């Protein structure tokens, strides 16, 4: 066995939990309760159920409700989420962290936990996250009243719901929801590739069909009894409405879930004290993180190079290559989140290793900011081989790639069952590389003729188009602008539906909010 420093962090516990509305043991758990359930199971998995006093730090991801100023459900919420979870577990950690919003946070929290252990600030860290969105929606529909509010006065490092990847111009022109932003990015990639709408829909669905197949065999998945083929994913119809061009409902993250996950990170010295077998230990070999400017301030609307940089840096830190990775999970809220990452690595959609270990956000489920905690828990379990022996010889390395915002933040971890001392990352150097690119000049109040760089169409649940938002360049100055169709302008809206907007010429002028446009031809 390789000798490593006693302060080397190791993952010794992992668990996931899914509560289904139709299960016999359905308990209508609150977000706090469902998160505590996974945390309790992870502590048991780590053999710490009788050593709860050893947990020095508890970290939790942020729920959807805690990421917005408005409650999604009329049930209240905890003012101190991690301490509420700790209270359920009967633990009193010295420090509690309530992470900011973003799907990249689980991976970043693992790194932060490792740093705390290496520097001697902690011996054991519990990281947990969960959502109870299905239960919330169900209770509202049934007219059931519950009280999820809690007031706990105790230390917490509350990092707030930092949504710093939006601009006023984007909001003023109706770019608000994740499908719309990712639609802008996705269509920009399609335009650069020169493909038709139909061809791109085929590519997206063929990318995600294998994800659906994985979820169909995963008992923890939100959709665990149905594998959709590519045609079913891309064809609009009942249960698969158009959401935002180019996405149908089955091509985007499923957030109506009741899911939670947790992992336990401890020092090697504590793992020894707890008697954890070496075959039950997983190590973080390499990691990296990088971020992007807001979508419409990126030089190329269809690219987010932070993912490729972070992936390359993490692999280099782990002293390995993508070819040597056995297990991979790429954040998959939308197809473009996957393609943007795998193309940077030279991977293809049909990689025989698979691009997900869970089934991905549209099919396994997208529990808010905590999805990648499920991917990590799954990879930890597989690296340990269940009984600690069966898979050790064949499975040695796993990759977790976590995305936050609108391809705004990317965090990567390379995990292995082979002992290795913790390696610090220089993420500032990655950001310096990204800062070398020149952002486009964006005009808030646009006037004149221009051409479309990208676009998206917002669809009503009824199946009717609602609005179209475009990003383009003015002909005279080359400045970038954002514009939208006015609600009463049915001609422009229908034209965007009938004829591919990519590259078309438009006339744009200031509106009450943002800019409005019409097609010139």
Protein backbone atom coordinates (compact mmCIF):
# COMPACT_ATOMS: atom_id res chain seq x y z
CA UNK A 1 0.00 0.00 0.00
CA UNK A 2 1.37 3.42 -1.03
CA UNK A 3 2.35 5.54 1.97
CA UNK A 4 0.62 8.92 2.03
CA UNK A 5 0.52 11.74 4.60
CA UNK A 6 -1.90 11.21 7.50
CA UNK A 7 -3.73 14.43 6.58
CA UNK A 8 -4.53 13.17 3.06
CA UNK A 9 -8.30 13.49 2.53
CA UNK A 10 -10.28 10.39 1.57
CA UNK A 11 -13.93 9.80 0.73
CA UNK A 12 -15.22 6.98 2.92
CA UNK A 13 -18.99 7.37 2.75
CA UNK A 14 -21.54 7.99 0.00
CA UNK A 15 -25.30 7.64 -0.29
CA UNK A 16 -28.26 8.63 -2.44
CA UNK A 17 -31.96 8.67 -1.73
CA UNK A 18 -35.06 9.03 -3.90
CA UNK A 19 -38.59 9.37 -2.54
CA UNK A 20 -41.38 8.57 -4.99
CA UNK A 21 -44.89 9.90 -4.71
CA UNK A 22 -46.34 6.48 -5.53
CA UNK A 23 -44.20 4.38 -3.19
CA UNK A 24 -45.76 2.53 -0.24
CA UNK A 25 -43.41 4.23 2.21
CA UNK A 26 -43.88 7.78 0.88
CA UNK A 27 -43.44 10.24 3.76
CA UNK A 28 -43.68 13.63 2.00
CA UNK A 29 -40.25 14.62 3.31
CA UNK A 30 -39.32 18.29 3.36
CA UNK A 31 -36.12 19.52 1.65
CA UNK A 32 -34.31 19.42 5.00
CA UNK A 33 -35.64 15.95 5.86
CA UNK A 34 -34.81 14.42 2.50
CA UNK A 35 -31.28 15.85 2.64
CA UNK A 36 -30.84 14.50 6.17
CA UNK A 37 -31.93 11.06 4.95
CA UNK A 38 -29.06 10.82 2.47
CA UNK A 39 -26.64 12.28 5.02
CA UNK A 40 -27.65 9.69 7.62
CA UNK A 41 -27.11 6.88 5.13
CA UNK A 42 -23.71 8.26 4.12
CA UNK A 43 -22.60 8.39 7.76
CA UNK A 44 -23.68 4.78 8.18
CA UNK A 45 -21.90 3.83 4.96
CA UNK A 46 -18.74 5.42 6.38
CA UNK A 47 -19.09 3.51 9.64
CA UNK A 48 -19.53 6.75 11.58
CA UNK A 49 -23.03 6.25 13.01
CA UNK A 50 -21.48 5.85 16.48
CA UNK A 51 -18.83 8.52 15.92
CA UNK A 52 -21.01 11.45 14.94
CA UNK A 53 -19.03 13.74 17.22
CA UNK A 54 -16.11 13.53 14.76
CA UNK A 55 -17.93 15.60 12.11
CA UNK A 56 -16.26 19.03 12.26
CA UNK A 57 -17.93 20.69 9.26
CA UNK A 58 -21.27 20.27 7.53
CA UNK A 59 -21.71 21.68 4.02
CA UNK A 60 -24.97 21.73 2.08
CA UNK A 61 -25.86 22.77 -1.44
CA UNK A 62 -28.55 25.36 -2.00
CA UNK A 63 -32.09 24.33 -2.91
CA UNK A 64 -34.02 25.95 -5.74
CA UNK A 65 -36.13 27.84 -3.23
CA UNK A 66 -33.06 29.13 -1.41
CA UNK A 67 -31.66 30.28 -4.75
CA UNK A 68 -34.53 32.68 -5.45
CA UNK A 69 -36.13 35.50 -3.45
CA UNK A 70 -39.64 34.08 -3.94
CA UNK A 71 -40.90 30.88 -2.35
CA UNK A 72 -42.03 28.27 -4.86
CA UNK A 73 -44.34 26.73 -2.26
CA UNK A 74 -46.30 28.31 0.62
CA UNK A 75 -44.71 26.13 3.29
CA UNK A 76 -41.84 28.26 4.55
CA UNK A 77 -38.21 27.22 4.78
CA UNK A 78 -35.29 26.99 7.16
CA UNK A 79 -33.25 30.11 7.81
CA UNK A 80 -30.18 27.90 8.32
CA UNK A 81 -30.38 24.86 6.07
CA UNK A 82 -27.14 23.08 7.06
CA UNK A 83 -27.86 23.48 10.78
CA UNK A 84 -31.39 22.14 10.26
CA UNK A 85 -29.90 19.07 8.59
CA UNK A 86 -27.35 18.72 11.40
CA UNK A 87 -30.14 18.93 13.97
CA UNK A 88 -31.92 16.00 12.30
CA UNK A 89 -28.72 13.98 12.52
CA UNK A 90 -27.98 14.84 16.13
CA UNK A 91 -24.62 16.44 15.33
CA UNK A 92 -23.16 19.82 16.26
CA UNK A 93 -20.30 20.57 13.87
CA UNK A 94 -18.05 23.49 14.72
CA UNK A 95 -18.66 25.01 11.31
CA UNK A 96 -21.55 25.03 8.82
CA UNK A 97 -21.41 26.08 5.17
CA UNK A 98 -24.48 26.97 3.11
CA UNK A 99 -23.17 27.00 -0.44
CA UNK A 100 -24.08 29.47 -3.15
CA UNK A 101 -26.19 28.46 -6.16
CA UNK A 102 -24.78 26.60 -9.13
CA UNK A 103 -24.52 23.01 -10.31
CA UNK A 104 -20.74 23.21 -9.93
CA UNK A 105 -20.92 23.61 -6.15
CA UNK A 106 -20.84 19.91 -5.12
CA UNK A 107 -17.44 19.43 -6.73
CA UNK A 108 -16.18 22.72 -5.30
CA UNK A 109 -17.39 21.74 -1.84
CA UNK A 110 -15.43 18.48 -2.02
CA UNK A 111 -12.29 20.44 -2.85
CA UNK A 112 -13.00 22.87 -0.01
CA UNK A 113 -13.48 19.94 2.37
CA UNK A 114 -10.18 18.43 1.25
CA UNK A 115 -8.42 21.76 1.77
CA UNK A 116 -9.85 22.03 5.29
CA UNK A 117 -8.58 18.55 6.13
CA UNK A 118 -5.11 19.04 4.62
CA UNK A 119 -4.64 22.30 6.52
CA UNK A 120 -5.76 20.75 9.79
CA UNK A 121 -8.99 22.74 10.13
CA UNK A 122 -11.10 19.57 10.10
CA UNK A 123 -10.89 15.81 10.41
CA UNK A 124 -14.30 14.97 8.96
CA UNK A 125 -16.63 16.87 6.64
CA UNK A 126 -20.19 15.97 5.67
CA UNK A 127 -21.42 17.28 2.30
CA UNK A 128 -25.11 16.89 1.50
CA UNK A 129 -27.82 18.27 -0.74
CA UNK A 130 -31.38 17.54 -1.80
CA UNK A 131 -34.65 18.73 -3.26
CA UNK A 132 -38.30 17.93 -2.55
CA UNK A 133 -39.84 19.70 -5.53
CA UNK A 134 -42.15 16.85 -6.45
CA UNK A 135 -43.54 16.74 -2.93
CA UNK A 136 -43.98 20.50 -2.84
CA UNK A 137 -45.92 20.48 -6.10
CA UNK A 138 -47.95 17.45 -4.96
CA UNK A 139 -48.93 19.03 -1.64
CA UNK A 140 -50.02 22.25 -3.33
CA UNK A 141 -52.11 20.31 -5.85
CA UNK A 142 -53.73 18.30 -3.05
CA UNK A 143 -54.39 21.42 -0.98
CA UNK A 144 -52.38 20.02 1.93
CA UNK A 145 -50.88 22.53 4.34
CA UNK A 146 -47.53 21.80 6.00
CA UNK A 147 -44.98 23.92 7.85
CA UNK A 148 -41.40 23.67 6.63
CA UNK A 149 -40.27 26.87 8.33
CA UNK A 150 -37.47 26.73 10.92
CA UNK A 151 -35.55 29.34 12.86
CA UNK A 152 -32.11 28.27 14.05
CA UNK A 153 -29.75 30.80 15.57
CA UNK A 154 -26.34 29.25 15.08
CA UNK A 155 -23.16 29.86 13.11
CA UNK A 156 -23.49 29.44 9.35
CA UNK A 157 -21.38 30.61 6.45
CA UNK A 158 -24.31 31.61 4.24
CA UNK A 159 -22.88 32.42 0.82
CA UNK A 160 -26.16 33.55 -0.68
CA UNK A 161 -27.73 32.91 -4.07
CA UNK A 162 -25.10 34.63 -6.18
CA UNK A 163 -26.53 34.84 -9.69
CA UNK A 164 -23.80 36.99 -11.21
CA UNK A 165 -23.97 35.50 -14.70
CA UNK A 166 -26.85 37.67 -15.96
CA UNK A 167 -26.85 41.14 -17.51
CA UNK A 168 -29.52 43.84 -17.44
CA UNK A 169 -29.70 43.75 -21.24
CA UNK A 170 -30.46 40.03 -21.20
CA UNK A 171 -33.22 40.44 -18.63
CA UNK A 172 -34.72 43.47 -20.40
CA UNK A 173 -35.09 41.43 -23.57
CA UNK A 174 -36.73 38.44 -21.91
CA UNK A 175 -33.70 36.17 -21.50
CA UNK A 176 -34.55 34.83 -18.07
CA UNK A 177 -34.96 31.05 -17.93
CA UNK A 178 -32.24 28.40 -18.39
CA UNK A 179 -33.89 26.89 -21.52
CA UNK A 180 -33.77 30.26 -23.27
CA UNK A 181 -30.12 30.91 -22.46
CA UNK A 182 -29.04 27.42 -23.41
CA UNK A 183 -31.14 27.72 -26.56
CA UNK A 184 -29.09 30.77 -27.55
CA UNK A 185 -25.86 28.84 -27.00
CA UNK A 186 -27.13 25.70 -28.71
CA UNK A 187 -28.38 27.49 -31.81
CA UNK A 188 -25.12 29.43 -32.09
CA UNK A 189 -23.27 26.11 -32.23
CA UNK A 190 -25.68 24.84 -34.85
CA UNK A 191 -25.22 27.98 -36.93
CA UNK A 192 -21.43 27.70 -36.77
CA UNK A 193 -21.66 24.07 -37.89
CA UNK A 194 -24.01 24.96 -40.74
CA UNK A 195 -26.62 22.35 -39.84
CA UNK A 196 -30.38 22.48 -40.26
CA UNK A 197 -32.81 22.46 -37.35
CA UNK A 198 -33.79 18.90 -38.20
CA UNK A 199 -30.22 17.63 -38.32
CA UNK A 200 -29.37 19.29 -35.00
CA UNK A 201 -32.44 17.83 -33.32
CA UNK A 202 -31.29 14.40 -34.48
CA UNK A 203 -27.80 14.98 -33.05
CA UNK A 204 -29.14 16.15 -29.68
CA UNK A 205 -31.51 13.23 -29.35
CA UNK A 206 -28.87 10.69 -30.35
CA UNK A 207 -26.57 12.18 -27.70
CA UNK A 208 -29.18 11.83 -24.96
CA UNK A 209 -30.78 8.48 -25.87
CA UNK A 210 -27.94 6.54 -24.16
CA UNK A 211 -28.41 8.71 -21.05
CA UNK A 212 -32.06 7.67 -20.97
CA UNK A 213 -31.04 4.02 -21.28
CA UNK A 214 -28.76 4.32 -18.24
CA UNK A 215 -31.51 5.95 -16.18
CA UNK A 216 -33.92 3.16 -17.12
CA UNK A 217 -31.70 0.69 -15.23
CA UNK A 218 -31.06 2.99 -12.26
CA UNK A 219 -33.55 2.33 -9.41
CA UNK A 220 -32.86 5.80 -8.00
CA UNK A 221 -33.77 7.59 -11.23
CA UNK A 222 -36.80 9.84 -11.55
CA UNK A 223 -37.67 7.93 -14.75
CA UNK A 224 -36.42 4.42 -14.02
CA UNK A 225 -38.86 2.33 -16.03
CA UNK A 226 -38.63 3.91 -19.47
CA UNK A 227 -35.81 4.29 -21.98
CA UNK A 228 -36.63 6.79 -24.71
CA UNK A 229 -35.18 6.33 -28.16
CA UNK A 230 -33.84 9.28 -30.14
CA UNK A 231 -37.06 9.79 -32.11
CA UNK A 232 -39.13 9.92 -28.91
CA UNK A 233 -36.78 12.50 -27.44
CA UNK A 234 -36.90 14.94 -30.33
CA UNK A 235 -40.50 14.59 -31.51
CA UNK A 236 -42.93 17.11 -29.95
CA UNK A 237 -46.16 15.68 -28.62
CA UNK A 238 -48.08 14.82 -25.45
CA UNK A 239 -45.62 14.67 -22.57
CA UNK A 240 -42.90 16.16 -24.74
CA UNK A 241 -43.92 19.71 -25.51
CA UNK A 242 -41.68 22.31 -27.08
CA UNK A 243 -40.08 24.39 -24.32
CA UNK A 244 -37.55 26.67 -26.01
CA UNK A 245 -36.06 26.29 -29.47
CA UNK A 246 -34.38 23.88 -30.04
CA UNK A 247 -35.51 21.87 -26.99
CA UNK A 248 -38.40 19.55 -26.35
CA UNK A 249 -39.23 18.72 -22.73
CA UNK A 250 -37.37 15.39 -22.81
CA UNK A 251 -34.11 17.13 -23.76
CA UNK A 252 -33.89 19.32 -20.65
CA UNK A 253 -33.28 18.74 -16.95
CA UNK A 254 -36.15 17.26 -14.97
CA UNK A 255 -36.41 19.33 -11.79
CA UNK A 256 -39.64 17.86 -10.41
CA UNK A 257 -37.87 15.31 -8.23
CA UNK A 258 -37.45 14.20 -4.62
CA UNK A 259 -33.77 13.30 -4.45
CA UNK A 260 -30.81 13.74 -2.12
CA UNK A 261 -27.18 12.69 -1.89
CA UNK A 262 -24.28 12.96 0.53
CA UNK A 263 -20.59 12.11 0.84
CA UNK A 264 -18.20 11.95 3.79
CA UNK A 265 -14.63 13.25 3.50
CA UNK A 266 -12.14 12.51 6.30
CA UNK A 267 -8.40 12.52 6.89
CA UNK A 268 -6.52 9.30 6.31
CA UNK A 269 -5.61 9.36 10.00
CA UNK A 270 -9.28 9.38 11.00
CA UNK A 271 -10.06 6.68 8.43
CA UNK A 272 -7.39 4.56 10.13
CA UNK A 273 -8.88 5.31 13.55
CA UNK A 274 -12.35 4.34 12.30
CA UNK A 275 -10.98 1.11 10.88
CA UNK A 276 -12.06 1.87 7.32
CA UNK A 277 -10.53 -0.74 4.96
CA UNK A 278 -8.25 0.69 2.29
CA UNK A 279 -10.51 -0.87 -0.33
CA UNK A 280 -13.29 1.43 0.92
CA UNK A 281 -11.34 4.65 0.38
CA UNK A 282 -11.50 6.95 -2.62
CA UNK A 283 -9.04 9.78 -3.31
CA UNK A 284 -9.33 13.06 -5.19
CA UNK A 285 -6.40 12.88 -7.61
CA UNK A 286 -6.93 16.10 -9.52
CA UNK A 287 -9.34 18.98 -9.74
CA UNK A 288 -9.87 22.35 -11.41
CA UNK A 289 -12.53 25.03 -11.85
CA UNK A 290 -13.05 27.97 -14.19
CA UNK A 291 -15.78 30.44 -15.10
CA UNK A 292 -17.20 32.45 -18.00
CA UNK A 293 -18.62 35.95 -18.48
CA UNK A 294 -22.39 36.23 -19.06
CA UNK A 295 -23.59 34.50 -22.23
CA UNK A 296 -24.02 37.58 -24.42
CA UNK A 297 -20.62 38.96 -23.38
CA UNK A 298 -18.75 35.92 -24.70
CA UNK A 299 -16.76 36.38 -27.92
CA UNK A 300 -18.38 33.26 -29.40
CA UNK A 301 -21.97 32.66 -28.29
CA UNK A 302 -21.66 28.93 -28.94
CA UNK A 303 -18.53 28.27 -26.91
CA UNK A 304 -17.66 28.12 -23.22
CA UNK A 305 -13.93 27.24 -23.14
CA UNK A 306 -13.86 27.14 -19.34
CA UNK A 307 -15.09 23.53 -19.44
CA UNK A 308 -12.27 22.34 -21.68
CA UNK A 309 -9.65 24.22 -19.67
CA UNK A 310 -10.90 22.84 -16.36
CA UNK A 311 -11.08 19.29 -17.72
CA UNK A 312 -7.56 19.45 -19.14
CA UNK A 313 -6.15 20.96 -15.94
CA UNK A 314 -7.81 18.35 -13.70
CA UNK A 315 -6.52 15.49 -15.85
CA UNK A 316 -3.02 16.98 -15.85
CA UNK A 317 -3.09 17.40 -12.08
CA UNK A 318 -4.12 13.75 -11.73
CA UNK A 319 -1.27 12.77 -14.06
CA UNK A 320 -3.63 10.88 -16.31
CA UNK A 321 -5.46 11.18 -19.61
CA UNK A 322 -9.09 10.97 -20.65
CA UNK A 323 -8.32 7.58 -22.23
CA UNK A 324 -7.44 6.20 -18.78
CA UNK A 325 -10.74 7.27 -17.20
CA UNK A 326 -13.10 4.35 -16.53
CA UNK A 327 -16.21 6.21 -15.31
CA UNK A 328 -17.48 9.59 -16.50
CA UNK A 329 -20.37 11.82 -15.64
CA UNK A 330 -20.84 15.04 -17.59
CA UNK A 331 -23.41 17.52 -16.33
CA UNK A 332 -26.32 17.22 -18.73
CA UNK A 333 -28.94 19.87 -18.02
CA UNK A 334 -29.12 20.49 -21.78
CA UNK A 335 -27.36 18.78 -24.71
CA UNK A 336 -25.00 21.71 -25.22
CA UNK A 337 -23.62 21.31 -21.68
CA UNK A 338 -22.38 17.86 -22.71
CA UNK A 339 -21.16 18.61 -26.23
CA UNK A 340 -19.29 21.73 -25.14
CA UNK A 341 -17.30 19.57 -22.71
CA UNK A 342 -16.76 16.34 -24.62
CA UNK A 343 -15.70 18.06 -27.83
CA UNK A 344 -12.93 19.77 -25.88
CA UNK A 345 -11.69 16.30 -24.91
CA UNK A 346 -12.10 14.75 -28.33
CA UNK A 347 -14.85 12.43 -27.11
CA UNK A 348 -17.92 11.41 -29.10
CA UNK A 349 -21.52 10.82 -28.09
CA UNK A 350 -21.15 7.06 -28.53
CA UNK A 351 -18.07 6.64 -26.32
CA UNK A 352 -18.24 2.98 -25.18
CA UNK A 353 -17.61 3.97 -21.54
CA UNK A 354 -20.75 6.08 -21.46
CA UNK A 355 -20.99 9.76 -20.58
CA UNK A 356 -23.08 9.35 -17.42
CA UNK A 357 -23.20 7.01 -14.44
CA UNK A 358 -26.64 8.11 -13.24
CA UNK A 359 -28.68 8.66 -16.38
CA UNK A 360 -28.32 12.43 -16.52
CA UNK A 361 -30.47 15.34 -15.43
CA UNK A 362 -33.39 14.84 -17.87
CA UNK A 363 -33.91 11.16 -16.94
CA UNK A 364 -32.18 10.38 -13.64
CA UNK A 365 -33.33 13.75 -12.36
CA UNK A 366 -32.04 17.26 -11.87
CA UNK A 367 -32.19 17.99 -8.13
CA UNK A 368 -31.12 21.60 -8.44
CA UNK A 369 -27.62 22.47 -7.41
CA UNK A 370 -26.93 19.01 -5.96
CA UNK A 371 -27.09 16.80 -9.07
CA UNK A 372 -23.34 16.25 -9.30
CA UNK A 373 -23.34 15.04 -5.71
CA UNK A 374 -25.33 12.06 -7.03
CA UNK A 375 -22.78 11.50 -9.79
CA UNK A 376 -19.99 11.64 -7.22
CA UNK A 377 -21.76 9.27 -4.82
CA UNK A 378 -22.31 6.82 -7.66
CA UNK A 379 -18.69 6.97 -8.79
CA UNK A 380 -17.40 6.57 -5.23
CA UNK A 381 -19.58 3.47 -4.82
CA UNK A 382 -18.36 1.96 -8.08
CA UNK A 383 -14.71 2.71 -7.37
CA UNK A 384 -15.09 0.80 -4.13
CA UNK A 385 -16.74 -2.08 -5.97
CA UNK A 386 -19.62 -2.50 -3.56
CA UNK A 387 -17.98 -5.19 -1.43
CA UNK A 388 -14.67 -3.40 -1.53
CA UNK A 389 -13.03 -5.89 -3.88
CA UNK A 390 -15.05 -6.88 -6.93
CA UNK A 391 -14.35 -3.86 -9.16
CA UNK A 392 -11.05 -2.61 -7.80
CA UNK A 393 -8.97 -4.41 -10.41
CA UNK A 394 -10.94 -3.14 -13.40
CA UNK A 395 -12.23 0.29 -12.35
CA UNK A 396 -9.61 2.73 -11.12
CA UNK A 397 -10.56 6.29 -12.11
CA UNK A 398 -13.73 8.33 -12.32
CA UNK A 399 -14.42 11.82 -13.63
CA UNK A 400 -17.11 14.17 -12.34
CA UNK A 401 -17.73 17.26 -14.50
CA UNK A 402 -20.11 19.76 -12.91
CA UNK A 403 -21.63 22.76 -14.67
CA UNK A 404 -23.18 25.84 -13.08
CA UNK A 405 -25.34 28.62 -14.51
CA UNK A 406 -25.59 28.88 -18.29
CA UNK A 407 -22.28 27.14 -19.03
CA UNK A 408 -21.05 29.83 -16.66
CA UNK A 409 -19.01 27.84 -14.14
CA UNK A 410 -17.29 24.48 -14.51
CA UNK A 411 -15.70 22.30 -11.86
CA UNK A 412 -13.99 18.94 -12.43
CA UNK A 413 -12.79 16.18 -10.12
CA UNK A 414 -10.75 13.07 -10.95
CA UNK A 415 -11.29 10.31 -8.36
CA UNK A 416 -9.48 7.03 -7.85
CA UNK A 417 -9.22 4.07 -5.50
CA UNK A 418 -5.42 4.36 -5.75
CA UNK A 419 -3.88 6.27 -2.80
CA UNK A 420 -2.41 9.65 -3.67
CA UNK A 421 -1.59 12.78 -1.70
CA UNK A 422 -3.90 15.75 -2.24
CA UNK A 423 -2.81 18.23 -4.92
CA UNK A 424 -3.76 21.91 -4.75
CA UNK A 425 -5.06 23.62 -7.91
CA UNK A 426 -4.14 26.98 -9.41
CA UNK A 427 -7.52 28.01 -10.77
CA UNK A 428 -6.37 31.62 -11.03
CA UNK A 429 -4.08 30.61 -13.88
CA UNK A 430 -7.06 29.16 -15.78
CA UNK A 431 -8.99 32.37 -15.34
CA UNK A 432 -6.06 34.34 -16.68
CA UNK A 433 -6.18 32.28 -19.85
CA UNK A 434 -9.88 32.99 -20.26
CA UNK A 435 -9.34 36.70 -19.58
CA UNK A 436 -7.13 36.99 -22.66
CA UNK A 437 -10.11 36.87 -25.01
CA UNK A 438 -11.65 40.18 -26.03
CA UNK A 439 -15.33 40.62 -25.12
CA UNK A 440 -17.65 42.04 -27.78
CA UNK A 441 -18.98 45.58 -27.63
CA UNK A 442 -22.65 45.35 -26.65
CA UNK A 443 -25.11 48.17 -27.25
CA UNK A 444 -28.11 48.36 -24.92
CA UNK A 445 -30.22 50.58 -27.15
CA UNK A 446 -29.90 49.34 -30.72
CA UNK A 447 -31.08 51.05 -33.92
CA UNK A 448 -30.76 50.00 -37.53
CA UNK A 449 -30.03 46.94 -39.59
CA UNK A 450 -28.29 43.83 -38.31
CA UNK A 451 -27.89 40.10 -38.72
CA UNK A 452 -28.70 37.31 -36.27
CA UNK A 453 -25.88 35.45 -34.51
CA UNK A 454 -28.27 33.25 -32.56
CA UNK A 455 -31.82 33.07 -31.31
CA UNK A 456 -34.33 31.09 -29.29
CA UNK A 457 -38.12 30.81 -29.29
CA UNK A 458 -40.08 30.60 -26.04
CA UNK A 459 -43.13 28.32 -26.23
CA UNK A 460 -46.36 28.40 -24.22
CA UNK A 461 -47.43 25.19 -22.50
CA UNK A 462 -50.38 25.25 -24.89
CA UNK A 463 -48.01 24.55 -27.77
CA UNK A 464 -48.11 28.06 -29.22
CA UNK A 465 -45.01 30.22 -29.69
CA UNK A 466 -44.73 32.99 -27.10
CA UNK A 467 -41.78 35.17 -28.11
CA UNK A 468 -38.51 35.05 -29.98
CA UNK A 469 -35.27 36.52 -28.64
CA UNK A 470 -32.31 37.17 -30.92
CA UNK A 471 -28.68 38.13 -30.42
CA UNK A 472 -27.05 39.82 -33.37
CA UNK A 473 -24.60 42.35 -34.75
CA UNK A 474 -25.38 45.79 -36.15
CA UNK A 475 -24.33 46.15 -39.78
CA UNK A 476 -22.76 49.57 -39.39
CA UNK A 477 -20.75 49.20 -36.18
CA UNK A 478 -20.46 45.46 -35.62
CA UNK A 479 -21.75 45.96 -32.09
CA UNK A 480 -23.70 43.12 -30.53
CA UNK A 481 -27.33 43.67 -29.59
CA UNK A 482 -30.13 41.68 -27.98
CA UNK A 483 -33.72 42.10 -29.15
CA UNK A 484 -37.09 40.42 -28.83
CA UNK A 485 -40.35 40.26 -30.74
CA UNK A 486 -43.24 42.21 -29.33
CA UNK A 487 -46.15 40.09 -28.08
CA UNK A 488 -48.57 41.50 -30.63
CA UNK A 489 -46.17 41.00 -33.55
CA UNK A 490 -47.48 37.64 -34.73
CA UNK A 491 -45.90 38.01 -38.16
CA UNK A 492 -42.35 38.14 -36.80
CA UNK A 493 -43.01 35.33 -34.37
CA UNK A 494 -44.51 33.04 -36.97
CA UNK A 495 -41.71 33.81 -39.41
CA UNK A 496 -39.16 32.69 -36.79
CA UNK A 497 -41.07 29.42 -36.40
CA UNK A 498 -41.44 28.79 -40.13
CA UNK A 499 -38.02 29.94 -41.41
CA UNK A 500 -34.72 29.34 -39.66
CA UNK A 501 -33.71 32.70 -38.12
CA UNK A 502 -29.98 31.94 -38.16
CA UNK A 503 -28.09 34.56 -40.18
CA UNK A 504 -31.20 36.44 -41.27
CA UNK A 505 -31.24 40.22 -41.58
CA UNK A 506 -33.36 42.21 -39.14
CA UNK A 507 -34.23 45.78 -38.34
CA UNK A 508 -33.98 46.66 -34.68
CA UNK A 509 -35.06 49.63 -32.58
CA UNK A 510 -35.37 50.51 -28.90
CA UNK A 511 -38.49 49.32 -27.05
CA UNK A 512 -40.04 50.10 -23.67
CA UNK A 513 -37.72 47.42 -22.30
CA UNK A 514 -34.71 46.37 -24.33
CA UNK A 515 -35.02 46.31 -28.11
CA UNK A 516 -37.58 44.97 -30.55
CA UNK A 517 -36.87 43.57 -34.01
CA UNK A 518 -38.51 42.52 -37.24
CA UNK A 519 -37.18 40.46 -40.10
CA UNK A 520 -36.05 42.64 -43.00
CA UNK A 521 -37.00 40.21 -45.76
